[in-house]
Amino acid sequence: MPEILRIVTAVVALLLAAWAGYFAWRDRAPNRALLVGTAVLEIFAIVLVVTAFTRTVGGHHPHQSVTFIAYVIAFLVIPPAGFVLARMEPTKWGSVIIAVAGIVQAILVVRLQQTYTGVG
């Protein structure tokens, strides 16, 4: 997986988490822009996963294949799940849900790389 794509994805996830955390701290429900930010994070997740699978088809195989696939599934499911749950909870807790989704995505970027390369 390209390093720049991993870094950008993690930064986007952490920025979204900070933005949503600010909304929660100010006792505000997630607005449309915050939900769009969640969709942008999902786009980055899809691009990262497609890149990883393209490299896998090219001959590089993850060191922990089963764990890698489980992380990929979680990586692709968390932003949409956070989006849906935040829409169902139109209070500050919806913002907290998006903040947690952002933090988890940033952690998963690191774990995906670790399982892909065999480090950790």
C-alpha atoms as a PDB file:
ATOM      1  CA  MET A   1       0.000   0.000   0.000  1.00  0.00           C
ATOM      2  CA  PRO A   2       1.433   3.395  -0.925  1.00  0.00           C
ATOM      3  CA  GLU A   3       2.708   5.272   2.103  1.00  0.00           C
ATOM      4  CA  ILE A   4       1.252   8.617   1.034  1.00  0.00           C
ATOM      5  CA  LEU A   5      -2.233   7.095   0.663  1.00  0.00           C
ATOM      6  CA  ARG A   6      -2.007   5.533   4.128  1.00  0.00           C
ATOM      7  CA  ILE A   7      -0.861   8.815   5.657  1.00  0.00           C
ATOM      8  CA  VAL A   8      -3.555  10.865   3.930  1.00  0.00           C
ATOM      9  CA  THR A   9      -6.257   8.384   4.935  1.00  0.00           C
ATOM     10  CA  ALA A  10      -5.126   8.425   8.565  1.00  0.00           C
ATOM     11  CA  VAL A  11      -4.948  12.233   8.586  1.00  0.00           C
ATOM     12  CA  VAL A  12      -8.435  12.533   7.071  1.00  0.00           C
ATOM     13  CA  ALA A  13      -9.750  10.095   9.694  1.00  0.00           C
ATOM     14  CA  LEU A  14      -8.141  12.018  12.554  1.00  0.00           C
ATOM     15  CA  LEU A  15      -9.318  15.387  11.211  1.00  0.00           C
ATOM     16  CA  LEU A  16     -12.852  14.025  10.955  1.00  0.00           C
ATOM     17  CA  ALA A  17     -12.593  12.699  14.516  1.00  0.00           C
ATOM     18  CA  ALA A  18     -11.370  16.072  15.797  1.00  0.00           C
ATOM     19  CA  TRP A  19     -14.080  17.931  13.888  1.00  0.00           C
ATOM     20  CA  ALA A  20     -16.800  15.626  15.202  1.00  0.00           C
ATOM     21  CA  GLY A  21     -15.301  15.815  18.693  1.00  0.00           C
ATOM     22  CA  TYR A  22     -15.543  19.608  18.519  1.00  0.00           C
ATOM     23  CA  PHE A  23     -19.216  19.281  17.551  1.00  0.00           C
ATOM     24  CA  ALA A  24     -19.830  16.952  20.501  1.00  0.00           C
ATOM     25  CA  TRP A  25     -17.952  19.260  22.873  1.00  0.00           C
ATOM     26  CA  ARG A  26     -20.130  22.167  21.695  1.00  0.00           C
ATOM     27  CA  ASP A  27     -23.222  19.983  22.246  1.00  0.00           C
ATOM     28  CA  ARG A  28     -24.088  20.003  18.537  1.00  0.00           C
ATOM     29  CA  ALA A  29     -25.589  17.303  16.384  1.00  0.00           C
ATOM     30  CA  PRO A  30     -23.725  16.297  13.224  1.00  0.00           C
ATOM     31  CA  ASN A  31     -24.566  18.567  10.324  1.00  0.00           C
ATOM     32  CA  ARG A  32     -24.538  17.774   6.626  1.00  0.00           C
ATOM     33  CA  ALA A  33     -20.874  18.790   6.225  1.00  0.00           C
ATOM     34  CA  LEU A  34     -19.785  16.362   8.942  1.00  0.00           C
ATOM     35  CA  LEU A  35     -21.729  13.582   7.268  1.00  0.00           C
ATOM     36  CA  VAL A  36     -20.099  14.465   3.942  1.00  0.00           C
ATOM     37  CA  GLY A  37     -16.739  14.210   5.722  1.00  0.00           C
ATOM     38  CA  THR A  38     -17.683  10.666   6.720  1.00  0.00           C
ATOM     39  CA  ALA A  39     -18.443   9.869   3.083  1.00  0.00           C
ATOM     40  CA  VAL A  40     -15.054  11.297   2.042  1.00  0.00           C
ATOM     41  CA  LEU A  41     -13.376   9.038   4.602  1.00  0.00           C
ATOM     42  CA  GLU A  42     -15.182   6.061   3.077  1.00  0.00           C
ATOM     43  CA  ILE A  43     -13.902   7.032  -0.383  1.00  0.00           C
ATOM     44  CA  PHE A  44     -10.335   7.081   0.947  1.00  0.00           C
ATOM     45  CA  ALA A  45     -10.934   3.681   2.567  1.00  0.00           C
ATOM     46  CA  ILE A  46     -12.172   2.223  -0.718  1.00  0.00           C
ATOM     47  CA  VAL A  47      -9.192   3.609  -2.634  1.00  0.00           C
ATOM     48  CA  LEU A  48      -6.779   2.198  -0.058  1.00  0.00           C
ATOM     49  CA  VAL A  49      -8.398  -1.246  -0.150  1.00  0.00           C
ATOM     50  CA  VAL A  50      -8.499  -1.327  -3.964  1.00  0.00           C
ATOM     51  CA  THR A  51      -4.816  -0.391  -4.037  1.00  0.00           C
ATOM     52  CA  ALA A  52      -3.971  -3.166  -1.568  1.00  0.00           C
ATOM     53  CA  PHE A  53      -5.914  -5.769  -3.542  1.00  0.00           C
ATOM     54  CA  THR A  54      -4.321  -4.583  -6.788  1.00  0.00           C
ATOM     55  CA  ARG A  55      -0.890  -5.158  -5.274  1.00  0.00           C
ATOM     56  CA  THR A  56      -2.070  -8.569  -4.032  1.00  0.00           C
ATOM     57  CA  VAL A  57      -3.101  -9.557  -7.553  1.00  0.00           C
ATOM     58  CA  GLY A  58       0.300  -8.291  -8.712  1.00  0.00           C
ATOM     59  CA  GLY A  59       2.038 -10.882  -6.555  1.00  0.00           C
ATOM     60  CA  HIS A  60       2.480  -9.383  -3.075  1.00  0.00           C
ATOM     61  CA  HIS A  61       0.540 -11.342  -0.481  1.00  0.00           C
ATOM     62  CA  PRO A  62      -0.307 -10.194   3.039  1.00  0.00           C
ATOM     63  CA  HIS A  63       1.577 -12.044   5.756  1.00  0.00           C
ATOM     64  CA  GLN A  64      -1.602 -12.543   7.785  1.00  0.00           C
ATOM     65  CA  SER A  65      -4.243 -13.041   5.093  1.00  0.00           C
ATOM     66  CA  VAL A  66      -7.249 -13.881   7.273  1.00  0.00           C
ATOM     67  CA  THR A  67      -6.565 -11.050   9.699  1.00  0.00           C
ATOM     68  CA  PHE A  68      -5.963  -8.677   6.806  1.00  0.00           C
ATOM     69  CA  ILE A  69      -9.307  -9.536   5.206  1.00  0.00           C
ATOM     70  CA  ALA A  70     -11.114  -9.118   8.543  1.00  0.00           C
ATOM     71  CA  TYR A  71      -9.537  -5.676   8.952  1.00  0.00           C
ATOM     72  CA  VAL A  72     -10.487  -4.765   5.371  1.00  0.00           C
ATOM     73  CA  ILE A  73     -14.114  -5.658   6.055  1.00  0.00           C
ATOM     74  CA  ALA A  74     -14.148  -3.581   9.237  1.00  0.00           C
ATOM     75  CA  PHE A  75     -12.312  -0.760   7.445  1.00  0.00           C
ATOM     76  CA  LEU A  76     -15.003  -0.609   4.762  1.00  0.00           C
ATOM     77  CA  VAL A  77     -17.984  -1.006   7.120  1.00  0.00           C
ATOM     78  CA  ILE A  78     -17.155   1.448   9.918  1.00  0.00           C
ATOM     79  CA  PRO A  79     -17.645   4.794   8.088  1.00  0.00           C
ATOM     80  CA  PRO A  80     -21.050   3.879   6.607  1.00  0.00           C
ATOM     81  CA  ALA A  81     -22.152   2.372   9.925  1.00  0.00           C
ATOM     82  CA  GLY A  82     -21.057   5.527  11.731  1.00  0.00           C
ATOM     83  CA  PHE A  83     -22.914   7.608   9.163  1.00  0.00           C
ATOM     84  CA  VAL A  84     -26.139   5.636   9.626  1.00  0.00           C
ATOM     85  CA  LEU A  85     -25.918   5.615  13.415  1.00  0.00           C
ATOM     86  CA  ALA A  86     -25.167   9.359  13.488  1.00  0.00           C
ATOM     87  CA  ARG A  87     -28.238  10.016  11.317  1.00  0.00           C
ATOM     88  CA  MET A  88     -30.338   7.937  13.708  1.00  0.00           C
ATOM     89  CA  GLU A  89     -29.017   9.918  16.698  1.00  0.00           C
ATOM     90  CA  PRO A  90     -29.478  13.632  15.846  1.00  0.00           C
ATOM     91  CA  THR A  91     -27.896  14.862  19.085  1.00  0.00           C
ATOM     92  CA  LYS A  92     -24.334  15.430  20.258  1.00  0.00           C
ATOM     93  CA  TRP A  93     -24.036  11.658  20.553  1.00  0.00           C
ATOM     94  CA  GLY A  94     -24.286  11.416  16.772  1.00  0.00           C
ATOM     95  CA  SER A  95     -21.165  13.576  16.634  1.00  0.00           C
ATOM     96  CA  VAL A  96     -19.491  11.296  19.184  1.00  0.00           C
ATOM     97  CA  ILE A  97     -20.278   8.302  16.969  1.00  0.00           C
ATOM     98  CA  ILE A  98     -18.557   9.945  14.001  1.00  0.00           C
ATOM     99  CA  ALA A  99     -15.570  10.920  16.172  1.00  0.00           C
ATOM    100  CA  VAL A 100     -15.159   7.325  17.328  1.00  0.00           C
ATOM    101  CA  ALA A 101     -15.477   6.067  13.738  1.00  0.00           C
ATOM    102  CA  GLY A 102     -12.683   8.433  12.701  1.00  0.00           C
ATOM    103  CA  ILE A 103     -10.389   7.279  15.493  1.00  0.00           C
ATOM    104  CA  VAL A 104     -11.055   3.620  14.710  1.00  0.00           C
ATOM    105  CA  GLN A 105     -10.332   4.217  11.014  1.00  0.00           C
ATOM    106  CA  ALA A 106      -6.988   5.816  11.831  1.00  0.00           C
ATOM    107  CA  ILE A 107      -6.075   2.825  13.981  1.00  0.00           C
ATOM    108  CA  LEU A 108      -7.194   0.409  11.274  1.00  0.00           C
ATOM    109  CA  VAL A 109      -4.928   2.096   8.717  1.00  0.00           C
ATOM    110  CA  VAL A 110      -1.984   1.207  10.934  1.00  0.00           C
ATOM    111  CA  ARG A 111      -3.223  -2.333  11.593  1.00  0.00           C
ATOM    112  CA  LEU A 112      -3.853  -2.938   7.884  1.00  0.00           C
ATOM    113  CA  GLN A 113      -0.273  -1.994   7.116  1.00  0.00           C
ATOM    114  CA  GLN A 114       1.038  -4.181   9.930  1.00  0.00           C
ATOM    115  CA  THR A 115      -0.880  -7.257   8.791  1.00  0.00           C
ATOM    116  CA  TYR A 116      -0.001  -6.574   5.149  1.00  0.00           C
ATOM    117  CA  THR A 117       3.742  -6.354   5.768  1.00  0.00           C
ATOM    118  CA  GLY A 118       3.991  -8.760   8.703  1.00  0.00           C
ATOM    119  CA  VAL A 119       5.206  -6.109  11.142  1.00  0.00           C
ATOM    120  CA  GLY A 120       3.699  -6.121  14.629  1.00  0.00           C
END
